[in-house]
Amino acid sequence: MVPPELRQMRTLIADSLFGQVMVEWESETFHPVVIFPEQPKVLDLSGSQDYGIDGVKWTIGRYDEVRSIYTTDLFMGGRTVHVGLDLGGPVGTPVHSFFDGVVFAVGYNSKSGDYGHTLVTKHKINGNDIWALYGHLDEMTTSSWNPGDSIETGQLIGRFGSEEENGGWPPHVHFQLSLIEPEGFDLPGVVHPDDREWALSVFPDPRLVLGPLY
């Protein structure tokens, strides 16, 4: 059952840098980015809870959550609003393409707390250009991709990287949609509260393609 707020979001109208964009998400069928073998735990990172939880293997980190976990220099200035979805599990967990498309950019975001190895893909949905960022991956799989490579729905495109290569985080993938073209292999996955309204208009809720994960 899709929550009422998601049904309302199925047709998204956002004022982006390129004008008004309309995407009818419901007209397409999408593939899970991560196939959870059991029910994942939905995290609450708005308070004192740590990202890693002993004994919990599979997790979900929420979209549009004001978080208290960002402590590295990368987030100086008050960036706290998370505008992607985090899907957590063991190192090496497969990551799949949610839809047909091409590789837009691939690279390594090296700062502490950043994405680490990152893949950005480009898709055409109802005539609209949509980009997707997959962050915190491993070098072994991302190094095999080049811009312009074709990808298919459900194709293995990466795996969860270890803390040593994913920016220092417990293993997971940060999945983020974008209605605006990224600058290379990066997107602002966490924004300042003053930028929240703009960010939600151009970085749609990933549950529009991944379904009601929570």
C-alpha atoms as a PDB file:
ATOM      1  CA  MET A   1       0.000   0.000   0.000  1.00  0.00           C
ATOM      2  CA  VAL A   2       1.475   3.326  -1.074  1.00  0.00           C
ATOM      3  CA  PRO A   3       1.045   6.044   1.589  1.00  0.00           C
ATOM      4  CA  PRO A   4      -1.280   8.939   0.592  1.00  0.00           C
ATOM      5  CA  GLU A   5       1.589  11.429   0.605  1.00  0.00           C
ATOM      6  CA  LEU A   6       3.473   9.286  -1.904  1.00  0.00           C
ATOM      7  CA  ARG A   7       0.418   8.935  -4.139  1.00  0.00           C
ATOM      8  CA  GLN A   8       0.248  12.719  -4.209  1.00  0.00           C
ATOM      9  CA  MET A   9       3.908  12.814  -5.148  1.00  0.00           C
ATOM     10  CA  ARG A  10       3.544  10.365  -8.044  1.00  0.00           C
ATOM     11  CA  THR A  11       3.151  13.375 -10.303  1.00  0.00           C
ATOM     12  CA  LEU A  12       5.899  15.720  -9.265  1.00  0.00           C
ATOM     13  CA  ILE A  13       5.935  19.330 -10.391  1.00  0.00           C
ATOM     14  CA  ALA A  14       9.122  21.126  -9.411  1.00  0.00           C
ATOM     15  CA  ASP A  15      10.445  24.551 -10.277  1.00  0.00           C
ATOM     16  CA  SER A  16      14.020  23.685 -11.195  1.00  0.00           C
ATOM     17  CA  LEU A  17      16.794  25.686 -12.767  1.00  0.00           C
ATOM     18  CA  PHE A  18      15.421  24.642 -16.176  1.00  0.00           C
ATOM     19  CA  GLY A  19      11.816  25.615 -15.534  1.00  0.00           C
ATOM     20  CA  GLN A  20       8.844  23.477 -14.650  1.00  0.00           C
ATOM     21  CA  VAL A  21       9.396  19.720 -14.723  1.00  0.00           C
ATOM     22  CA  MET A  22       6.650  17.085 -14.614  1.00  0.00           C
ATOM     23  CA  VAL A  23       7.450  13.422 -14.088  1.00  0.00           C
ATOM     24  CA  GLU A  24       4.762  10.734 -14.036  1.00  0.00           C
ATOM     25  CA  TRP A  25       6.690   8.150 -12.048  1.00  0.00           C
ATOM     26  CA  GLU A  26       3.821   5.687 -11.860  1.00  0.00           C
ATOM     27  CA  SER A  27       3.897   5.036 -15.591  1.00  0.00           C
ATOM     28  CA  GLU A  28       7.176   3.078 -15.301  1.00  0.00           C
ATOM     29  CA  THR A  29       8.355  -0.030 -13.449  1.00  0.00           C
ATOM     30  CA  PHE A  30      11.519   0.308 -11.394  1.00  0.00           C
ATOM     31  CA  HIS A  31      13.933  -2.181  -9.834  1.00  0.00           C
ATOM     32  CA  PRO A  32      15.096  -2.197  -6.205  1.00  0.00           C
ATOM     33  CA  VAL A  33      18.524  -0.654  -5.715  1.00  0.00           C
ATOM     34  CA  VAL A  34      19.199  -3.075  -2.855  1.00  0.00           C
ATOM     35  CA  ILE A  35      17.419  -6.409  -2.450  1.00  0.00           C
ATOM     36  CA  PHE A  36      16.967  -6.831   1.300  1.00  0.00           C
ATOM     37  CA  PRO A  37      16.883 -10.498   2.393  1.00  0.00           C
ATOM     38  CA  GLU A  38      14.976  -9.502   5.528  1.00  0.00           C
ATOM     39  CA  GLN A  39      13.038  -6.507   6.821  1.00  0.00           C
ATOM     40  CA  PRO A  40      15.476  -3.607   7.304  1.00  0.00           C
ATOM     41  CA  LYS A  41      15.424  -1.396  10.372  1.00  0.00           C
ATOM     42  CA  VAL A  42      14.427   2.214   9.708  1.00  0.00           C
ATOM     43  CA  LEU A  43      16.909   4.436  11.515  1.00  0.00           C
ATOM     44  CA  ASP A  44      16.188   7.657  13.339  1.00  0.00           C
ATOM     45  CA  LEU A  45      19.287   9.801  12.891  1.00  0.00           C
ATOM     46  CA  SER A  46      17.661  13.021  14.058  1.00  0.00           C
ATOM     47  CA  GLY A  47      18.785  12.492  17.645  1.00  0.00           C
ATOM     48  CA  SER A  48      21.432  10.555  19.510  1.00  0.00           C
ATOM     49  CA  GLN A  49      21.195   7.259  17.616  1.00  0.00           C
ATOM     50  CA  ASP A  50      24.418   6.252  15.865  1.00  0.00           C
ATOM     51  CA  TYR A  51      24.435   5.203  12.232  1.00  0.00           C
ATOM     52  CA  GLY A  52      25.843   1.771  13.033  1.00  0.00           C
ATOM     53  CA  ILE A  53      23.773  -0.446  15.363  1.00  0.00           C
ATOM     54  CA  ASP A  54      25.213  -3.614  16.884  1.00  0.00           C
ATOM     55  CA  GLY A  55      23.359  -6.721  15.746  1.00  0.00           C
ATOM     56  CA  VAL A  56      21.399  -4.938  12.998  1.00  0.00           C
ATOM     57  CA  LYS A  57      22.531  -5.952   9.518  1.00  0.00           C
ATOM     58  CA  TRP A  58      20.078  -4.188   7.176  1.00  0.00           C
ATOM     59  CA  THR A  59      19.029  -0.554   7.607  1.00  0.00           C
ATOM     60  CA  ILE A  60      17.288   2.386   5.939  1.00  0.00           C
ATOM     61  CA  GLY A  61      18.236   6.014   6.518  1.00  0.00           C
ATOM     62  CA  ARG A  62      15.376   8.383   5.806  1.00  0.00           C
ATOM     63  CA  TYR A  63      14.898  11.102   3.206  1.00  0.00           C
ATOM     64  CA  ASP A  64      14.223  14.691   4.353  1.00  0.00           C
ATOM     65  CA  GLU A  65      15.595  13.992   7.828  1.00  0.00           C
ATOM     66  CA  VAL A  66      17.359  16.637   9.910  1.00  0.00           C
ATOM     67  CA  ARG A  67      20.373  14.770  11.272  1.00  0.00           C
ATOM     68  CA  SER A  68      22.879  15.262  14.059  1.00  0.00           C
ATOM     69  CA  ILE A  69      25.548  12.853  12.764  1.00  0.00           C
ATOM     70  CA  TYR A  70      27.464  15.181  10.432  1.00  0.00           C
ATOM     71  CA  THR A  71      30.591  16.236  12.286  1.00  0.00           C
ATOM     72  CA  THR A  72      33.415  16.412   9.714  1.00  0.00           C
ATOM     73  CA  ASP A  73      34.679  19.622   8.112  1.00  0.00           C
ATOM     74  CA  LEU A  74      32.675  18.805   4.973  1.00  0.00           C
ATOM     75  CA  PHE A  75      29.487  19.823   6.808  1.00  0.00           C
ATOM     76  CA  MET A  76      30.711  23.014   8.433  1.00  0.00           C
ATOM     77  CA  GLY A  77      28.141  25.765   7.955  1.00  0.00           C
ATOM     78  CA  GLY A  78      25.122  23.881   9.255  1.00  0.00           C
ATOM     79  CA  ARG A  79      24.235  21.324   6.569  1.00  0.00           C
ATOM     80  CA  THR A  80      21.915  18.838   8.309  1.00  0.00           C
ATOM     81  CA  VAL A  81      18.985  17.938   5.980  1.00  0.00           C
ATOM     82  CA  HIS A  82      19.469  14.597   4.226  1.00  0.00           C
ATOM     83  CA  VAL A  83      18.001  14.607   0.695  1.00  0.00           C
ATOM     84  CA  GLY A  84      18.756  11.030  -0.370  1.00  0.00           C
ATOM     85  CA  LEU A  85      17.913   7.569   0.945  1.00  0.00           C
ATOM     86  CA  ASP A  86      20.510   5.400   2.717  1.00  0.00           C
ATOM     87  CA  LEU A  87      20.270   1.628   2.236  1.00  0.00           C
ATOM     88  CA  GLY A  88      22.596  -0.178   4.630  1.00  0.00           C
ATOM     89  CA  GLY A  89      24.025  -3.683   4.850  1.00  0.00           C
ATOM     90  CA  PRO A  90      27.307  -5.641   4.838  1.00  0.00           C
ATOM     91  CA  VAL A  91      30.364  -4.627   2.826  1.00  0.00           C
ATOM     92  CA  GLY A  92      30.041  -6.014  -0.692  1.00  0.00           C
ATOM     93  CA  THR A  93      26.233  -5.910  -0.828  1.00  0.00           C
ATOM     94  CA  PRO A  94      25.150  -5.663  -4.511  1.00  0.00           C
ATOM     95  CA  VAL A  95      23.752  -2.366  -5.799  1.00  0.00           C
ATOM     96  CA  HIS A  96      21.448  -2.429  -8.817  1.00  0.00           C
ATOM     97  CA  SER A  97      20.329   0.146 -11.370  1.00  0.00           C
ATOM     98  CA  PHE A  98      16.755   1.231 -10.740  1.00  0.00           C
ATOM     99  CA  PHE A  99      16.104   1.843 -14.465  1.00  0.00           C
ATOM    100  CA  ASP A 100      17.585   1.746 -17.972  1.00  0.00           C
ATOM    101  CA  GLY A 101      20.039   4.533 -18.698  1.00  0.00           C
ATOM    102  CA  VAL A 102      23.675   5.442 -19.180  1.00  0.00           C
ATOM    103  CA  VAL A 103      26.595   6.213 -16.909  1.00  0.00           C
ATOM    104  CA  PHE A 104      26.823   9.992 -16.559  1.00  0.00           C
ATOM    105  CA  ALA A 105      29.910  10.244 -14.346  1.00  0.00           C
ATOM    106  CA  VAL A 106      32.037   8.115 -12.045  1.00  0.00           C
ATOM    107  CA  GLY A 107      34.719   9.125  -9.574  1.00  0.00           C
ATOM    108  CA  TYR A 108      36.021   9.338  -6.021  1.00  0.00           C
ATOM    109  CA  ASN A 109      34.833  11.991  -3.541  1.00  0.00           C
ATOM    110  CA  SER A 110      37.742  11.799  -1.142  1.00  0.00           C
ATOM    111  CA  LYS A 111      36.922  14.080   1.798  1.00  0.00           C
ATOM    112  CA  SER A 112      36.147  12.633   5.218  1.00  0.00           C
ATOM    113  CA  GLY A 113      32.386  12.126   5.456  1.00  0.00           C
ATOM    114  CA  ASP A 114      31.926  12.367   1.673  1.00  0.00           C
ATOM    115  CA  TYR A 115      30.606   9.739  -0.776  1.00  0.00           C
ATOM    116  CA  GLY A 116      33.853   7.958  -1.505  1.00  0.00           C
ATOM    117  CA  HIS A 117      33.487   5.985  -4.760  1.00  0.00           C
ATOM    118  CA  THR A 118      30.455   7.342  -6.587  1.00  0.00           C
ATOM    119  CA  LEU A 119      28.471   6.507  -9.710  1.00  0.00           C
ATOM    120  CA  VAL A 120      25.994   8.914 -11.338  1.00  0.00           C
ATOM    121  CA  THR A 121      23.581   7.628 -13.980  1.00  0.00           C
ATOM    122  CA  LYS A 122      21.264   9.415 -16.392  1.00  0.00           C
ATOM    123  CA  HIS A 123      17.793   8.251 -17.386  1.00  0.00           C
ATOM    124  CA  LYS A 124      14.877   9.328 -19.559  1.00  0.00           C
ATOM    125  CA  ILE A 125      11.476   9.037 -17.870  1.00  0.00           C
ATOM    126  CA  ASN A 126       8.407  10.299 -19.763  1.00  0.00           C
ATOM    127  CA  GLY A 127      10.689  12.468 -21.854  1.00  0.00           C
ATOM    128  CA  ASN A 128      12.386  14.023 -18.809  1.00  0.00           C
ATOM    129  CA  ASP A 129      16.065  13.741 -17.966  1.00  0.00           C
ATOM    130  CA  ILE A 130      16.563  12.225 -14.513  1.00  0.00           C
ATOM    131  CA  TRP A 131      19.898  11.654 -12.799  1.00  0.00           C
ATOM    132  CA  ALA A 132      20.623   9.207  -9.971  1.00  0.00           C
ATOM    133  CA  LEU A 133      23.606   9.221  -7.634  1.00  0.00           C
ATOM    134  CA  TYR A 134      24.899   6.067  -5.937  1.00  0.00           C
ATOM    135  CA  GLY A 135      27.430   6.958  -3.244  1.00  0.00           C
ATOM    136  CA  HIS A 136      29.690   5.014  -0.816  1.00  0.00           C
ATOM    137  CA  LEU A 137      30.481   2.225  -3.285  1.00  0.00           C
ATOM    138  CA  ASP A 138      33.634   0.130  -3.659  1.00  0.00           C
ATOM    139  CA  GLU A 139      36.445   0.875  -6.073  1.00  0.00           C
ATOM    140  CA  MET A 140      36.513  -2.605  -7.603  1.00  0.00           C
ATOM    141  CA  THR A 141      33.099  -2.299  -9.229  1.00  0.00           C
ATOM    142  CA  THR A 142      32.993   1.429  -9.958  1.00  0.00           C
ATOM    143  CA  SER A 143      36.375   1.320 -11.713  1.00  0.00           C
ATOM    144  CA  SER A 144      34.821  -0.797 -14.473  1.00  0.00           C
ATOM    145  CA  TRP A 145      32.461   1.992 -15.583  1.00  0.00           C
ATOM    146  CA  ASN A 146      33.001   4.877 -17.991  1.00  0.00           C
ATOM    147  CA  PRO A 147      30.729   7.800 -18.925  1.00  0.00           C
ATOM    148  CA  GLY A 148      28.403   6.803 -21.736  1.00  0.00           C
ATOM    149  CA  ASP A 149      28.255   3.107 -20.827  1.00  0.00           C
ATOM    150  CA  SER A 150      24.745   1.691 -21.141  1.00  0.00           C
ATOM    151  CA  ILE A 151      23.024   0.173 -18.107  1.00  0.00           C
ATOM    152  CA  GLU A 152      19.867  -1.894 -17.859  1.00  0.00           C
ATOM    153  CA  THR A 153      17.128  -2.051 -15.255  1.00  0.00           C
ATOM    154  CA  GLY A 154      18.260  -4.286 -12.395  1.00  0.00           C
ATOM    155  CA  GLN A 155      21.855  -4.541 -13.598  1.00  0.00           C
ATOM    156  CA  LEU A 156      24.585  -4.876 -10.970  1.00  0.00           C
ATOM    157  CA  ILE A 157      26.378  -1.528 -11.000  1.00  0.00           C
ATOM    158  CA  GLY A 158      28.321  -1.552  -7.743  1.00  0.00           C
ATOM    159  CA  ARG A 159      28.752  -2.894  -4.231  1.00  0.00           C
ATOM    160  CA  PHE A 160      28.853  -1.356  -0.762  1.00  0.00           C
ATOM    161  CA  GLY A 161      32.322  -0.062   0.034  1.00  0.00           C
ATOM    162  CA  SER A 162      34.120  -0.431   3.347  1.00  0.00           C
ATOM    163  CA  GLU A 163      34.562   2.500   5.732  1.00  0.00           C
ATOM    164  CA  GLU A 164      38.140   2.879   4.488  1.00  0.00           C
ATOM    165  CA  GLU A 165      36.951   3.715   0.959  1.00  0.00           C
ATOM    166  CA  ASN A 166      33.410   5.093   1.382  1.00  0.00           C
ATOM    167  CA  GLY A 167      34.124   8.315   3.263  1.00  0.00           C
ATOM    168  CA  GLY A 168      34.288   6.754   6.711  1.00  0.00           C
ATOM    169  CA  TRP A 169      30.703   5.508   7.048  1.00  0.00           C
ATOM    170  CA  PRO A 170      29.202   2.143   7.985  1.00  0.00           C
ATOM    171  CA  PRO A 171      28.615   0.298   4.685  1.00  0.00           C
ATOM    172  CA  HIS A 172      25.591   1.523   2.746  1.00  0.00           C
ATOM    173  CA  VAL A 173      24.596   3.179  -0.505  1.00  0.00           C
ATOM    174  CA  HIS A 174      23.323   6.748  -0.609  1.00  0.00           C
ATOM    175  CA  PHE A 175      20.754   6.809  -3.425  1.00  0.00           C
ATOM    176  CA  GLN A 176      19.562  10.187  -4.652  1.00  0.00           C
ATOM    177  CA  LEU A 177      17.422  11.345  -7.562  1.00  0.00           C
ATOM    178  CA  SER A 178      17.967  14.694  -9.272  1.00  0.00           C
ATOM    179  CA  LEU A 179      15.999  16.786 -11.750  1.00  0.00           C
ATOM    180  CA  ILE A 180      19.042  18.983 -12.377  1.00  0.00           C
ATOM    181  CA  GLU A 181      22.285  17.952 -14.017  1.00  0.00           C
ATOM    182  CA  PRO A 182      25.015  17.175 -11.486  1.00  0.00           C
ATOM    183  CA  GLU A 183      28.439  18.755 -11.614  1.00  0.00           C
ATOM    184  CA  GLY A 184      30.388  15.635 -12.441  1.00  0.00           C
ATOM    185  CA  PHE A 185      30.161  12.791  -9.917  1.00  0.00           C
ATOM    186  CA  ASP A 186      28.752  14.821  -7.044  1.00  0.00           C
ATOM    187  CA  LEU A 187      25.444  16.145  -5.703  1.00  0.00           C
ATOM    188  CA  PRO A 188      24.678  17.871  -2.384  1.00  0.00           C
ATOM    189  CA  GLY A 189      23.265  14.942  -0.405  1.00  0.00           C
ATOM    190  CA  VAL A 190      22.913  17.038   2.741  1.00  0.00           C
ATOM    191  CA  VAL A 191      21.773  20.674   2.615  1.00  0.00           C
ATOM    192  CA  HIS A 192      21.348  23.593   4.997  1.00  0.00           C
ATOM    193  CA  PRO A 193      17.815  23.972   6.424  1.00  0.00           C
ATOM    194  CA  ASP A 194      17.534  27.297   4.592  1.00  0.00           C
ATOM    195  CA  ASP A 195      17.908  25.372   1.303  1.00  0.00           C
ATOM    196  CA  ARG A 196      15.462  22.596   2.203  1.00  0.00           C
ATOM    197  CA  GLU A 197      12.514  23.788   0.073  1.00  0.00           C
ATOM    198  CA  TRP A 198      14.682  24.171  -3.005  1.00  0.00           C
ATOM    199  CA  ALA A 199      16.430  20.838  -2.432  1.00  0.00           C
ATOM    200  CA  LEU A 200      13.188  18.873  -2.068  1.00  0.00           C
ATOM    201  CA  SER A 201      11.926  20.377  -5.331  1.00  0.00           C
ATOM    202  CA  VAL A 202      14.940  19.224  -7.361  1.00  0.00           C
ATOM    203  CA  PHE A 203      15.942  16.064  -5.456  1.00  0.00           C
ATOM    204  CA  PRO A 204      12.708  14.013  -5.325  1.00  0.00           C
ATOM    205  CA  ASP A 205      11.926  11.402  -2.683  1.00  0.00           C
ATOM    206  CA  PRO A 206      13.676   8.169  -3.801  1.00  0.00           C
ATOM    207  CA  ARG A 207      10.632   6.196  -2.650  1.00  0.00           C
ATOM    208  CA  LEU A 208       8.958   7.380  -5.837  1.00  0.00           C
ATOM    209  CA  VAL A 209      11.014   4.733  -7.626  1.00  0.00           C
ATOM    210  CA  LEU A 210      11.915   2.377  -4.761  1.00  0.00           C
ATOM    211  CA  GLY A 211       8.442   2.089  -3.254  1.00  0.00           C
ATOM    212  CA  PRO A 212       7.242   2.626   0.323  1.00  0.00           C
ATOM    213  CA  LEU A 213      10.306   1.368   2.197  1.00  0.00           C
ATOM    214  CA  TYR A 214       8.987   3.035   5.340  1.00  0.00           C
END
